[in-house]
Amino acid sequence: FHTIEPSMHFVTPERIREYDIGIGDDTMMLGRLIDRDGVQRNV
């Protein structure tokens, strides 16, 4: 496992302004696709 560290990775209102995060920025979602989730292992 790995963890998402609040101090390093969280997008805060301050970081939104600092890095100009806004509409149109690329995103990536990681989760569980039913029927292709790995069954005996998290995939």
PDB file of all heavy atoms in Angstrom:
ATOM      1  N   PHE A   1       0.825  -1.203   0.000  1.00  0.00           N
ATOM      2  CA  PHE A   1       0.000   0.000   0.000  1.00  0.00           C
ATOM      3  C   PHE A   1       0.859   1.252   0.000  1.00  0.00           C
ATOM      4  O   PHE A   1       2.044   1.225   0.328  1.00  0.00           O
ATOM      5  CB  PHE A   1      -0.917   0.014   1.230  1.00  0.00           C
ATOM      6  CG  PHE A   1      -0.205   0.357   2.516  1.00  0.00           C
ATOM      7  CD1 PHE A   1      -0.189   1.657   2.996  1.00  0.00           C
ATOM      8  CD2 PHE A   1       0.469  -0.620   3.247  1.00  0.00           C
ATOM      9  CE1 PHE A   1       0.470   1.982   4.170  1.00  0.00           C
ATOM     10  CE2 PHE A   1       1.125  -0.308   4.427  1.00  0.00           C
ATOM     11  CZ  PHE A   1       1.133   0.999   4.888  1.00  0.00           C
ATOM     12  N   HIS A   2       0.238   2.348  -0.374  1.00  0.00           N
ATOM     13  CA  HIS A   2       0.795   3.684  -0.232  1.00  0.00           C
ATOM     14  C   HIS A   2      -0.319   4.585   0.284  1.00  0.00           C
ATOM     15  O   HIS A   2      -1.497   4.237   0.210  1.00  0.00           O
ATOM     16  CB  HIS A   2       1.341   4.214  -1.566  1.00  0.00           C
ATOM     17  CG  HIS A   2       2.683   3.664  -1.921  1.00  0.00           C
ATOM     18  ND1 HIS A   2       2.840   2.465  -2.573  1.00  0.00           N
ATOM     19  CD2 HIS A   2       3.935   4.144  -1.719  1.00  0.00           C
ATOM     20  CE1 HIS A   2       4.125   2.219  -2.759  1.00  0.00           C
ATOM     21  NE2 HIS A   2       4.809   3.230  -2.238  1.00  0.00           N
ATOM     22  N   THR A   3       0.059   5.762   0.795  1.00  0.00           N
ATOM     23  CA  THR A   3      -0.933   6.684   1.337  1.00  0.00           C
ATOM     24  C   THR A   3      -0.877   8.023   0.611  1.00  0.00           C
ATOM     25  O   THR A   3       0.167   8.410   0.076  1.00  0.00           O
ATOM     26  CB  THR A   3      -0.706   6.931   2.843  1.00  0.00           C
ATOM     27  OG1 THR A   3       0.593   7.527   3.032  1.00  0.00           O
ATOM     28  CG2 THR A   3      -0.794   5.634   3.626  1.00  0.00           C
ATOM     29  N   ILE A   4      -2.015   8.701   0.585  1.00  0.00           N
ATOM     30  CA  ILE A   4      -2.080  10.070   0.080  1.00  0.00           C
ATOM     31  C   ILE A   4      -1.779  10.983   1.253  1.00  0.00           C
ATOM     32  O   ILE A   4      -2.535  11.034   2.214  1.00  0.00           O
ATOM     33  CB  ILE A   4      -3.470  10.373  -0.511  1.00  0.00           C
ATOM     34  CG1 ILE A   4      -3.799   9.390  -1.642  1.00  0.00           C
ATOM     35  CG2 ILE A   4      -3.533  11.804  -1.016  1.00  0.00           C
ATOM     36  CD1 ILE A   4      -5.195   9.553  -2.204  1.00  0.00           C
ATOM     37  N   GLU A   5      -0.665  11.695   1.196  1.00  0.00           N
ATOM     38  CA  GLU A   5      -0.217  12.521   2.315  1.00  0.00           C
ATOM     39  C   GLU A   5      -0.870  13.905   2.254  1.00  0.00           C
ATOM     40  O   GLU A   5      -0.728  14.615   1.248  1.00  0.00           O
ATOM     41  CB  GLU A   5       1.301  12.676   2.290  1.00  0.00           C
ATOM     42  CG  GLU A   5       2.071  11.366   2.367  1.00  0.00           C
ATOM     43  CD  GLU A   5       1.885  10.666   3.704  1.00  0.00           C
ATOM     44  OE1 GLU A   5       1.552  11.346   4.673  1.00  0.00           O
ATOM     45  OE2 GLU A   5       2.086   9.443   3.761  1.00  0.00           O
ATOM     46  N   PRO A   6      -1.588  14.317   3.305  1.00  0.00           N
ATOM     47  CA  PRO A   6      -2.252  15.628   3.294  1.00  0.00           C
ATOM     48  C   PRO A   6      -1.316  16.791   3.019  1.00  0.00           C
ATOM     49  O   PRO A   6      -1.624  17.675   2.215  1.00  0.00           O
ATOM     50  CB  PRO A   6      -2.864  15.715   4.698  1.00  0.00           C
ATOM     51  CG  PRO A   6      -3.055  14.298   5.123  1.00  0.00           C
ATOM     52  CD  PRO A   6      -1.899  13.551   4.520  1.00  0.00           C
ATOM     53  N   SER A   7      -0.168  16.806   3.673  1.00  0.00           N
ATOM     54  CA  SER A   7       0.733  17.950   3.537  1.00  0.00           C
ATOM     55  C   SER A   7       1.347  18.045   2.147  1.00  0.00           C
ATOM     56  O   SER A   7       1.697  19.142   1.686  1.00  0.00           O
ATOM     57  CB  SER A   7       1.844  17.869   4.585  1.00  0.00           C
ATOM     58  OG  SER A   7       2.610  16.681   4.404  1.00  0.00           O
ATOM     59  N   MET A   8       1.464  16.917   1.443  1.00  0.00           N
ATOM     60  CA  MET A   8       2.134  16.903   0.150  1.00  0.00           C
ATOM     61  C   MET A   8       1.157  16.897  -1.024  1.00  0.00           C
ATOM     62  O   MET A   8       1.417  17.531  -2.054  1.00  0.00           O
ATOM     63  CB  MET A   8       3.048  15.671   0.047  1.00  0.00           C
ATOM     64  CG  MET A   8       4.201  15.649   1.026  1.00  0.00           C
ATOM     65  SD  MET A   8       5.109  14.093   0.938  1.00  0.00           S
ATOM     66  CE  MET A   8       5.599  14.056  -0.782  1.00  0.00           C
ATOM     67  N   HIS A   9       0.033  16.178  -0.892  1.00  0.00           N
ATOM     68  CA  HIS A   9      -0.784  15.875  -2.063  1.00  0.00           C
ATOM     69  C   HIS A   9      -2.150  16.559  -2.105  1.00  0.00           C
ATOM     70  O   HIS A   9      -2.745  16.652  -3.176  1.00  0.00           O
ATOM     71  CB  HIS A   9      -0.995  14.354  -2.154  1.00  0.00           C
ATOM     72  CG  HIS A   9       0.269  13.570  -2.188  1.00  0.00           C
ATOM     73  ND1 HIS A   9       0.508  12.492  -1.367  1.00  0.00           N
ATOM     74  CD2 HIS A   9       1.386  13.712  -2.937  1.00  0.00           C
ATOM     75  CE1 HIS A   9       1.706  12.002  -1.605  1.00  0.00           C
ATOM     76  NE2 HIS A   9       2.259  12.723  -2.544  1.00  0.00           N
ATOM     77  N   PHE A  10      -2.688  17.010  -0.976  1.00  0.00           N
ATOM     78  CA  PHE A  10      -4.045  17.551  -0.969  1.00  0.00           C
ATOM     79  C   PHE A  10      -4.113  18.883  -1.720  1.00  0.00           C
ATOM     80  O   PHE A  10      -3.295  19.779  -1.499  1.00  0.00           O
ATOM     81  CB  PHE A  10      -4.530  17.771   0.462  1.00  0.00           C
ATOM     82  CG  PHE A  10      -5.029  16.519   1.145  1.00  0.00           C
ATOM     83  CD1 PHE A  10      -4.560  15.276   0.783  1.00  0.00           C
ATOM     84  CD2 PHE A  10      -5.978  16.598   2.155  1.00  0.00           C
ATOM     85  CE1 PHE A  10      -5.003  14.126   1.425  1.00  0.00           C
ATOM     86  CE2 PHE A  10      -6.433  15.460   2.796  1.00  0.00           C
ATOM     87  CZ  PHE A  10      -5.945  14.223   2.426  1.00  0.00           C
ATOM     88  N   VAL A  11      -5.115  19.020  -2.590  1.00  0.00           N
ATOM     89  CA  VAL A  11      -5.387  20.302  -3.246  1.00  0.00           C
ATOM     90  C   VAL A  11      -6.195  21.157  -2.276  1.00  0.00           C
ATOM     91  O   VAL A  11      -7.332  20.831  -1.935  1.00  0.00           O
ATOM     92  CB  VAL A  11      -6.159  20.103  -4.557  1.00  0.00           C
ATOM     93  CG1 VAL A  11      -6.627  21.456  -5.107  1.00  0.00           C
ATOM     94  CG2 VAL A  11      -5.290  19.392  -5.593  1.00  0.00           C
ATOM     95  N   THR A  12      -5.620  22.247  -1.835  1.00  0.00           N
ATOM     96  CA  THR A  12      -6.265  23.178  -0.913  1.00  0.00           C
ATOM     97  C   THR A  12      -6.637  24.451  -1.673  1.00  0.00           C
ATOM     98  O   THR A  12      -6.156  24.678  -2.795  1.00  0.00           O
ATOM     99  CB  THR A  12      -5.317  23.528   0.241  1.00  0.00           C
ATOM    100  OG1 THR A  12      -4.136  24.156  -0.324  1.00  0.00           O
ATOM    101  CG2 THR A  12      -4.888  22.268   1.002  1.00  0.00           C
ATOM    102  N   PRO A  13      -7.469  25.309  -1.089  1.00  0.00           N
ATOM    103  CA  PRO A  13      -7.771  26.586  -1.755  1.00  0.00           C
ATOM    104  C   PRO A  13      -6.504  27.383  -2.074  1.00  0.00           C
ATOM    105  O   PRO A  13      -6.437  28.046  -3.127  1.00  0.00           O
ATOM    106  CB  PRO A  13      -8.647  27.302  -0.723  1.00  0.00           C
ATOM    107  CG  PRO A  13      -9.332  26.199   0.021  1.00  0.00           C
ATOM    108  CD  PRO A  13      -8.313  25.106   0.116  1.00  0.00           C
ATOM    109  N   GLU A  14      -5.498  27.306  -1.193  1.00  0.00           N
ATOM    110  CA  GLU A  14      -4.247  28.017  -1.450  1.00  0.00           C
ATOM    111  C   GLU A  14      -3.519  27.431  -2.653  1.00  0.00           C
ATOM    112  O   GLU A  14      -2.965  28.166  -3.487  1.00  0.00           O
ATOM    113  CB  GLU A  14      -3.340  27.953  -0.216  1.00  0.00           C
ATOM    114  CG  GLU A  14      -3.873  28.683   1.015  1.00  0.00           C
ATOM    115  CD  GLU A  14      -5.002  27.935   1.706  1.00  0.00           C
ATOM    116  OE1 GLU A  14      -5.088  26.701   1.533  1.00  0.00           O
ATOM    117  OE2 GLU A  14      -5.796  28.598   2.405  1.00  0.00           O
ATOM    118  N   ARG A  15      -3.509  26.111  -2.770  1.00  0.00           N
ATOM    119  CA  ARG A  15      -2.827  25.473  -3.894  1.00  0.00           C
ATOM    120  C   ARG A  15      -3.594  25.666  -5.204  1.00  0.00           C
ATOM    121  O   ARG A  15      -2.997  25.665  -6.286  1.00  0.00           O
ATOM    122  CB  ARG A  15      -2.621  23.987  -3.601  1.00  0.00           C
ATOM    123  CG  ARG A  15      -1.495  23.741  -2.598  1.00  0.00           C
ATOM    124  CD  ARG A  15      -1.390  22.309  -2.161  1.00  0.00           C
ATOM    125  NE  ARG A  15      -0.196  22.110  -1.347  1.00  0.00           N
ATOM    126  CZ  ARG A  15       0.031  21.021  -0.617  1.00  0.00           C
ATOM    127  NH1 ARG A  15      -0.863  20.040  -0.590  1.00  0.00           N
ATOM    128  NH2 ARG A  15       1.130  20.921   0.092  1.00  0.00           N
ATOM    129  N   ILE A  16      -4.903  25.811  -5.124  1.00  0.00           N
ATOM    130  CA  ILE A  16      -5.687  26.114  -6.322  1.00  0.00           C
ATOM    131  C   ILE A  16      -5.208  27.425  -6.927  1.00  0.00           C
ATOM    132  O   ILE A  16      -5.026  27.545  -8.143  1.00  0.00           O
ATOM    133  CB  ILE A  16      -7.192  26.178  -5.991  1.00  0.00           C
ATOM    134  CG1 ILE A  16      -7.726  24.771  -5.681  1.00  0.00           C
ATOM    135  CG2 ILE A  16      -7.975  26.796  -7.150  1.00  0.00           C
ATOM    136  CD1 ILE A  16      -9.168  24.755  -5.231  1.00  0.00           C
ATOM    137  N   ARG A  17      -4.994  28.417  -6.067  1.00  0.00           N
ATOM    138  CA  ARG A  17      -4.517  29.713  -6.544  1.00  0.00           C
ATOM    139  C   ARG A  17      -3.050  29.639  -6.980  1.00  0.00           C
ATOM    140  O   ARG A  17      -2.666  30.217  -8.000  1.00  0.00           O
ATOM    141  CB  ARG A  17      -4.686  30.767  -5.450  1.00  0.00           C
ATOM    142  CG  ARG A  17      -6.142  31.081  -5.119  1.00  0.00           C
ATOM    143  CD  ARG A  17      -6.253  32.275  -4.198  1.00  0.00           C
ATOM    144  NE  ARG A  17      -5.708  31.986  -2.870  1.00  0.00           N
ATOM    145  CZ  ARG A  17      -6.422  31.493  -1.863  1.00  0.00           C
ATOM    146  NH1 ARG A  17      -7.716  31.227  -2.037  1.00  0.00           N
ATOM    147  NH2 ARG A  17      -5.875  31.276  -0.684  1.00  0.00           N
ATOM    148  N   GLU A  18      -2.233  28.919  -6.200  1.00  0.00           N
ATOM    149  CA  GLU A  18      -0.806  28.864  -6.498  1.00  0.00           C
ATOM    150  C   GLU A  18      -0.516  28.178  -7.824  1.00  0.00           C
ATOM    151  O   GLU A  18       0.353  28.617  -8.592  1.00  0.00           O
ATOM    152  CB  GLU A  18      -0.071  28.137  -5.366  1.00  0.00           C
ATOM    153  CG  GLU A  18       1.430  28.067  -5.543  1.00  0.00           C
ATOM    154  CD  GLU A  18       2.123  27.342  -4.407  1.00  0.00           C
ATOM    155  OE1 GLU A  18       1.426  26.908  -3.447  1.00  0.00           O
ATOM    156  OE2 GLU A  18       3.362  27.213  -4.459  1.00  0.00           O
ATOM    157  N   TYR A  19      -1.241  27.086  -8.124  1.00  0.00           N
ATOM    158  CA  TYR A  19      -0.973  26.307  -9.324  1.00  0.00           C
ATOM    159  C   TYR A  19      -1.998  26.548 -10.436  1.00  0.00           C
ATOM    160  O   TYR A  19      -2.003  25.827 -11.439  1.00  0.00           O
ATOM    161  CB  TYR A  19      -0.920  24.814  -8.982  1.00  0.00           C
ATOM    162  CG  TYR A  19       0.074  24.464  -7.905  1.00  0.00           C
ATOM    163  CD1 TYR A  19      -0.272  23.614  -6.854  1.00  0.00           C
ATOM    164  CD2 TYR A  19       1.361  24.997  -7.920  1.00  0.00           C
ATOM    165  CE1 TYR A  19       0.643  23.304  -5.854  1.00  0.00           C
ATOM    166  CE2 TYR A  19       2.280  24.693  -6.935  1.00  0.00           C
ATOM    167  CZ  TYR A  19       1.912  23.845  -5.905  1.00  0.00           C
ATOM    168  OH  TYR A  19       2.823  23.540  -4.916  1.00  0.00           O
ATOM    169  N   ASP A  20      -2.864  27.545 -10.247  1.00  0.00           N
ATOM    170  CA  ASP A  20      -3.863  27.903 -11.272  1.00  0.00           C
ATOM    171  C   ASP A  20      -4.725  26.697 -11.663  1.00  0.00           C
ATOM    172  O   ASP A  20      -4.978  26.470 -12.858  1.00  0.00           O
ATOM    173  CB  ASP A  20      -3.170  28.478 -12.517  1.00  0.00           C
ATOM    174  CG  ASP A  20      -2.354  29.711 -12.196  1.00  0.00           C
ATOM    175  OD1 ASP A  20      -2.778  30.487 -11.326  1.00  0.00           O
ATOM    176  OD2 ASP A  20      -1.287  29.894 -12.811  1.00  0.00           O
ATOM    177  N   ILE A  21      -5.170  25.929 -10.688  1.00  0.00           N
ATOM    178  CA  ILE A  21      -6.010  24.763 -10.970  1.00  0.00           C
ATOM    179  C   ILE A  21      -7.414  25.243 -11.312  1.00  0.00           C
ATOM    180  O   ILE A  21      -7.990  26.078 -10.603  1.00  0.00           O
ATOM    181  CB  ILE A  21      -6.046  23.822  -9.754  1.00  0.00           C
ATOM    182  CG1 ILE A  21      -4.636  23.298  -9.462  1.00  0.00           C
ATOM    183  CG2 ILE A  21      -7.000  22.655  -9.991  1.00  0.00           C
ATOM    184  CD1 ILE A  21      -4.526  22.528  -8.157  1.00  0.00           C
ATOM    185  N   GLY A  22      -7.977  24.730 -12.403  1.00  0.00           N
ATOM    186  CA  GLY A  22      -9.303  25.193 -12.796  1.00  0.00           C
ATOM    187  C   GLY A  22      -9.928  24.350 -13.888  1.00  0.00           C
ATOM    188  O   GLY A  22      -9.481  23.233 -14.187  1.00  0.00           O
ATOM    189  N   ILE A  23     -10.968  24.896 -14.491  1.00  0.00           N
ATOM    190  CA  ILE A  23     -11.741  24.200 -15.513  1.00  0.00           C
ATOM    191  C   ILE A  23     -10.846  23.798 -16.682  1.00  0.00           C
ATOM    192  O   ILE A  23     -10.019  24.585 -17.151  1.00  0.00           O
ATOM    193  CB  ILE A  23     -12.889  25.104 -16.000  1.00  0.00           C
ATOM    194  CG1 ILE A  23     -13.893  25.325 -14.868  1.00  0.00           C
ATOM    195  CG2 ILE A  23     -13.583  24.503 -17.209  1.00  0.00           C
ATOM    196  CD1 ILE A  23     -14.970  26.329 -15.184  1.00  0.00           C
ATOM    197  N   GLY A  24     -11.009  22.556 -17.121  1.00  0.00           N
ATOM    198  CA  GLY A  24     -10.240  22.050 -18.249  1.00  0.00           C
ATOM    199  C   GLY A  24      -9.008  21.264 -17.871  1.00  0.00           C
ATOM    200  O   GLY A  24      -8.418  20.597 -18.729  1.00  0.00           O
ATOM    201  N   ASP A  25      -8.592  21.322 -16.601  1.00  0.00           N
ATOM    202  CA  ASP A  25      -7.421  20.553 -16.173  1.00  0.00           C
ATOM    203  C   ASP A  25      -7.719  19.056 -16.200  1.00  0.00           C
ATOM    204  O   ASP A  25      -8.812  18.617 -15.824  1.00  0.00           O
ATOM    205  CB  ASP A  25      -6.986  20.972 -14.766  1.00  0.00           C
ATOM    206  CG  ASP A  25      -6.212  22.278 -14.761  1.00  0.00           C
ATOM    207  OD1 ASP A  25      -5.701  22.661 -15.827  1.00  0.00           O
ATOM    208  OD2 ASP A  25      -6.121  22.914 -13.702  1.00  0.00           O
ATOM    209  N   ASP A  26      -6.732  18.283 -16.620  1.00  0.00           N
ATOM    210  CA  ASP A  26      -6.895  16.830 -16.736  1.00  0.00           C
ATOM    211  C   ASP A  26      -7.012  16.182 -15.359  1.00  0.00           C
ATOM    212  O   ASP A  26      -6.335  16.585 -14.410  1.00  0.00           O
ATOM    213  CB  ASP A  26      -5.704  16.211 -17.473  1.00  0.00           C
ATOM    214  CG  ASP A  26      -5.662  16.629 -18.935  1.00  0.00           C
ATOM    215  OD1 ASP A  26      -6.744  16.790 -19.523  1.00  0.00           O
ATOM    216  OD2 ASP A  26      -4.563  16.801 -19.472  1.00  0.00           O
ATOM    217  N   THR A  27      -7.842  15.152 -15.270  1.00  0.00           N
ATOM    218  CA  THR A  27      -8.031  14.411 -14.022  1.00  0.00           C
ATOM    219  C   THR A  27      -7.878  12.921 -14.267  1.00  0.00           C
ATOM    220  O   THR A  27      -7.930  12.444 -15.401  1.00  0.00           O
ATOM    221  CB  THR A  27      -9.424  14.673 -13.416  1.00  0.00           C
ATOM    222  OG1 THR A  27     -10.431  14.199 -14.335  1.00  0.00           O
ATOM    223  CG2 THR A  27      -9.639  16.153 -13.142  1.00  0.00           C
ATOM    224  N   MET A  28      -7.713  12.203 -13.169  1.00  0.00           N
ATOM    225  CA  MET A  28      -7.583  10.751 -13.218  1.00  0.00           C
ATOM    226  C   MET A  28      -8.265  10.158 -11.991  1.00  0.00           C
ATOM    227  O   MET A  28      -7.968  10.563 -10.865  1.00  0.00           O
ATOM    228  CB  MET A  28      -6.105  10.373 -13.248  1.00  0.00           C
ATOM    229  CG  MET A  28      -5.834   8.890 -13.381  1.00  0.00           C
ATOM    230  SD  MET A  28      -4.066   8.555 -13.551  1.00  0.00           S
ATOM    231  CE  MET A  28      -3.488   8.937 -11.905  1.00  0.00           C
ATOM    232  N   MET A  29      -9.201   9.239 -12.194  1.00  0.00           N
ATOM    233  CA  MET A  29      -9.928   8.607 -11.097  1.00  0.00           C
ATOM    234  C   MET A  29      -9.536   7.128 -11.009  1.00  0.00           C
ATOM    235  O   MET A  29      -9.516   6.420 -12.017  1.00  0.00           O
ATOM    236  CB  MET A  29     -11.439   8.732 -11.309  1.00  0.00           C
ATOM    237  CG  MET A  29     -12.265   8.035 -10.233  1.00  0.00           C
ATOM    238  SD  MET A  29     -14.033   8.442 -10.319  1.00  0.00           S
ATOM    239  CE  MET A  29     -14.492   7.618 -11.855  1.00  0.00           C
ATOM    240  N   LEU A  30      -9.225   6.670  -9.795  1.00  0.00           N
ATOM    241  CA  LEU A  30      -8.839   5.282  -9.576  1.00  0.00           C
ATOM    242  C   LEU A  30      -9.878   4.615  -8.690  1.00  0.00           C
ATOM    243  O   LEU A  30     -10.125   5.060  -7.566  1.00  0.00           O
ATOM    244  CB  LEU A  30      -7.470   5.200  -8.887  1.00  0.00           C
ATOM    245  CG  LEU A  30      -6.243   5.602  -9.686  1.00  0.00           C
ATOM    246  CD1 LEU A  30      -6.128   7.111  -9.784  1.00  0.00           C
ATOM    247  CD2 LEU A  30      -4.993   5.042  -9.048  1.00  0.00           C
ATOM    248  N   GLY A  31     -10.495   3.561  -9.171  1.00  0.00           N
ATOM    249  CA  GLY A  31     -11.527   2.906  -8.383  1.00  0.00           C
ATOM    250  C   GLY A  31     -11.831   1.513  -8.869  1.00  0.00           C
ATOM    251  O   GLY A  31     -11.009   0.863  -9.523  1.00  0.00           O
ATOM    252  N   ARG A  32     -13.032   1.100  -8.585  1.00  0.00           N
ATOM    253  CA  ARG A  32     -13.421  -0.292  -8.725  1.00  0.00           C
ATOM    254  C   ARG A  32     -14.443  -0.463  -9.844  1.00  0.00           C
ATOM    255  O   ARG A  32     -15.575   0.004  -9.736  1.00  0.00           O
ATOM    256  CB  ARG A  32     -14.017  -0.722  -7.400  1.00  0.00           C
ATOM    257  CG  ARG A  32     -14.405  -2.160  -7.288  1.00  0.00           C
ATOM    258  CD  ARG A  32     -14.914  -2.336  -5.890  1.00  0.00           C
ATOM    259  NE  ARG A  32     -15.145  -3.688  -5.523  1.00  0.00           N
ATOM    260  CZ  ARG A  32     -15.489  -4.061  -4.299  1.00  0.00           C
ATOM    261  NH1 ARG A  32     -15.616  -3.139  -3.370  1.00  0.00           N
ATOM    262  NH2 ARG A  32     -15.696  -5.314  -4.013  1.00  0.00           N
ATOM    263  N   LEU A  33     -14.022  -1.102 -10.914  1.00  0.00           N
ATOM    264  CA  LEU A  33     -14.923  -1.408 -12.016  1.00  0.00           C
ATOM    265  C   LEU A  33     -15.547  -2.772 -11.761  1.00  0.00           C
ATOM    266  O   LEU A  33     -14.860  -3.795 -11.784  1.00  0.00           O
ATOM    267  CB  LEU A  33     -14.164  -1.397 -13.348  1.00  0.00           C
ATOM    268  CG  LEU A  33     -15.000  -1.691 -14.594  1.00  0.00           C
ATOM    269  CD1 LEU A  33     -16.077  -0.631 -14.788  1.00  0.00           C
ATOM    270  CD2 LEU A  33     -14.109  -1.771 -15.830  1.00  0.00           C
ATOM    271  N   ILE A  34     -16.834  -2.772 -11.498  1.00  0.00           N
ATOM    272  CA  ILE A  34     -17.529  -4.027 -11.175  1.00  0.00           C
ATOM    273  C   ILE A  34     -17.340  -5.042 -12.304  1.00  0.00           C
ATOM    274  O   ILE A  34     -17.365  -4.706 -13.477  1.00  0.00           O
ATOM    275  CB  ILE A  34     -19.039  -3.755 -10.946  1.00  0.00           C
ATOM    276  CG1 ILE A  34     -19.224  -2.709  -9.847  1.00  0.00           C
ATOM    277  CG2 ILE A  34     -19.766  -5.032 -10.585  1.00  0.00           C
ATOM    278  CD1 ILE A  34     -18.624  -3.081  -8.519  1.00  0.00           C
ATOM    279  N   ASP A  35     -17.160  -6.302 -11.937  1.00  0.00           N
ATOM    280  CA  ASP A  35     -16.933  -7.434 -12.836  1.00  0.00           C
ATOM    281  C   ASP A  35     -15.505  -7.458 -13.394  1.00  0.00           C
ATOM    282  O   ASP A  35     -15.126  -8.403 -14.071  1.00  0.00           O
ATOM    283  CB  ASP A  35     -17.927  -7.455 -14.004  1.00  0.00           C
ATOM    284  CG  ASP A  35     -19.357  -7.645 -13.517  1.00  0.00           C
ATOM    285  OD1 ASP A  35     -19.552  -8.335 -12.497  1.00  0.00           O
ATOM    286  OD2 ASP A  35     -20.268  -7.079 -14.146  1.00  0.00           O
ATOM    287  N   ARG A  36     -14.714  -6.404 -13.120  1.00  0.00           N
ATOM    288  CA  ARG A  36     -13.294  -6.419 -13.491  1.00  0.00           C
ATOM    289  C   ARG A  36     -12.478  -5.865 -12.334  1.00  0.00           C
ATOM    290  O   ARG A  36     -11.506  -5.134 -12.525  1.00  0.00           O
ATOM    291  CB  ARG A  36     -13.045  -5.584 -14.754  1.00  0.00           C
ATOM    292  CG  ARG A  36     -13.643  -6.152 -16.023  1.00  0.00           C
ATOM    293  CD  ARG A  36     -12.960  -7.414 -16.476  1.00  0.00           C
ATOM    294  NE  ARG A  36     -11.553  -7.206 -16.766  1.00  0.00           N
ATOM    295  CZ  ARG A  36     -10.693  -8.161 -17.054  1.00  0.00           C
ATOM    296  NH1 ARG A  36     -11.083  -9.434 -17.045  1.00  0.00           N
ATOM    297  NH2 ARG A  36      -9.431  -7.885 -17.317  1.00  0.00           N
ATOM    298  N   ASP A  37     -12.901  -6.201 -11.107  1.00  0.00           N
ATOM    299  CA  ASP A  37     -12.255  -5.615  -9.932  1.00  0.00           C
ATOM    300  C   ASP A  37     -11.185  -6.493  -9.319  1.00  0.00           C
ATOM    301  O   ASP A  37     -10.558  -6.116  -8.334  1.00  0.00           O
ATOM    302  CB  ASP A  37     -13.294  -5.256  -8.865  1.00  0.00           C
ATOM    303  CG  ASP A  37     -14.073  -6.464  -8.370  1.00  0.00           C
ATOM    304  OD1 ASP A  37     -13.887  -7.561  -8.941  1.00  0.00           O
ATOM    305  OD2 ASP A  37     -14.864  -6.323  -7.432  1.00  0.00           O
ATOM    306  N   GLY A  38     -10.949  -7.678  -9.895  1.00  0.00           N
ATOM    307  CA  GLY A  38      -9.879  -8.540  -9.422  1.00  0.00           C
ATOM    308  C   GLY A  38     -10.334  -9.726  -8.598  1.00  0.00           C
ATOM    309  O   GLY A  38      -9.586 -10.683  -8.435  1.00  0.00           O
ATOM    310  N   VAL A  39     -11.562  -9.712  -8.063  1.00  0.00           N
ATOM    311  CA  VAL A  39     -12.158 -10.787  -7.261  1.00  0.00           C
ATOM    312  C   VAL A  39     -11.296 -11.140  -6.056  1.00  0.00           C
ATOM    313  O   VAL A  39     -11.573 -10.737  -4.937  1.00  0.00           O
ATOM    314  CB  VAL A  39     -12.449 -12.047  -8.111  1.00  0.00           C
ATOM    315  CG1 VAL A  39     -13.179 -13.097  -7.274  1.00  0.00           C
ATOM    316  CG2 VAL A  39     -13.288 -11.673  -9.328  1.00  0.00           C
ATOM    317  N   GLN A  40     -10.213 -11.913  -6.255  1.00  0.00           N
ATOM    318  CA  GLN A  40      -9.369 -12.355  -5.148  1.00  0.00           C
ATOM    319  C   GLN A  40      -8.275 -11.356  -4.794  1.00  0.00           C
ATOM    320  O   GLN A  40      -7.493 -11.575  -3.876  1.00  0.00           O
ATOM    321  CB  GLN A  40      -8.731 -13.707  -5.497  1.00  0.00           C
ATOM    322  CG  GLN A  40      -9.736 -14.827  -5.698  1.00  0.00           C
ATOM    323  CD  GLN A  40     -10.579 -15.094  -4.458  1.00  0.00           C
ATOM    324  OE1 GLN A  40     -10.090 -14.997  -3.338  1.00  0.00           O
ATOM    325  NE2 GLN A  40     -11.846 -15.409  -4.645  1.00  0.00           N
ATOM    326  N   ARG A  41      -8.211 -10.249  -5.527  1.00  0.00           N
ATOM    327  CA  ARG A  41      -7.194  -9.228  -5.276  1.00  0.00           C
ATOM    328  C   ARG A  41      -7.710  -7.898  -5.800  1.00  0.00           C
ATOM    329  O   ARG A  41      -8.402  -7.849  -6.814  1.00  0.00           O
ATOM    330  CB  ARG A  41      -5.883  -9.614  -5.966  1.00  0.00           C
ATOM    331  CG  ARG A  41      -4.703  -8.701  -5.594  1.00  0.00           C
ATOM    332  CD  ARG A  41      -3.406  -9.307  -6.092  1.00  0.00           C
ATOM    333  NE  ARG A  41      -2.255  -8.443  -5.840  1.00  0.00           N
ATOM    334  CZ  ARG A  41      -1.633  -8.348  -4.674  1.00  0.00           C
ATOM    335  NH1 ARG A  41      -2.069  -9.060  -3.645  1.00  0.00           N
ATOM    336  NH2 ARG A  41      -0.593  -7.557  -4.512  1.00  0.00           N
ATOM    337  N   ASN A  42      -7.394  -6.808  -5.098  1.00  0.00           N
ATOM    338  CA  ASN A  42      -7.831  -5.489  -5.537  1.00  0.00           C
ATOM    339  C   ASN A  42      -7.078  -5.091  -6.804  1.00  0.00           C
ATOM    340  O   ASN A  42      -5.852  -4.984  -6.801  1.00  0.00           O
ATOM    341  CB  ASN A  42      -7.573  -4.436  -4.453  1.00  0.00           C
ATOM    342  CG  ASN A  42      -8.288  -4.760  -3.147  1.00  0.00           C
ATOM    343  OD1 ASN A  42      -9.122  -5.655  -3.087  1.00  0.00           O
ATOM    344  ND2 ASN A  42      -7.958  -4.017  -2.109  1.00  0.00           N
ATOM    345  N   VAL A  43      -7.806  -4.867  -7.880  1.00  0.00           N
ATOM    346  CA  VAL A  43      -7.225  -4.445  -9.153  1.00  0.00           C
ATOM    347  C   VAL A  43      -7.964  -3.188  -9.607  1.00  0.00           C
ATOM    348  O   VAL A  43      -8.951  -3.269 -10.334  1.00  0.00           O
ATOM    349  CB  VAL A  43      -7.316  -5.552 -10.224  1.00  0.00           C
ATOM    350  CG1 VAL A  43      -6.648  -5.090 -11.518  1.00  0.00           C
ATOM    351  CG2 VAL A  43      -6.684  -6.839  -9.725  1.00  0.00           C
TER     352      VAL A  43
END
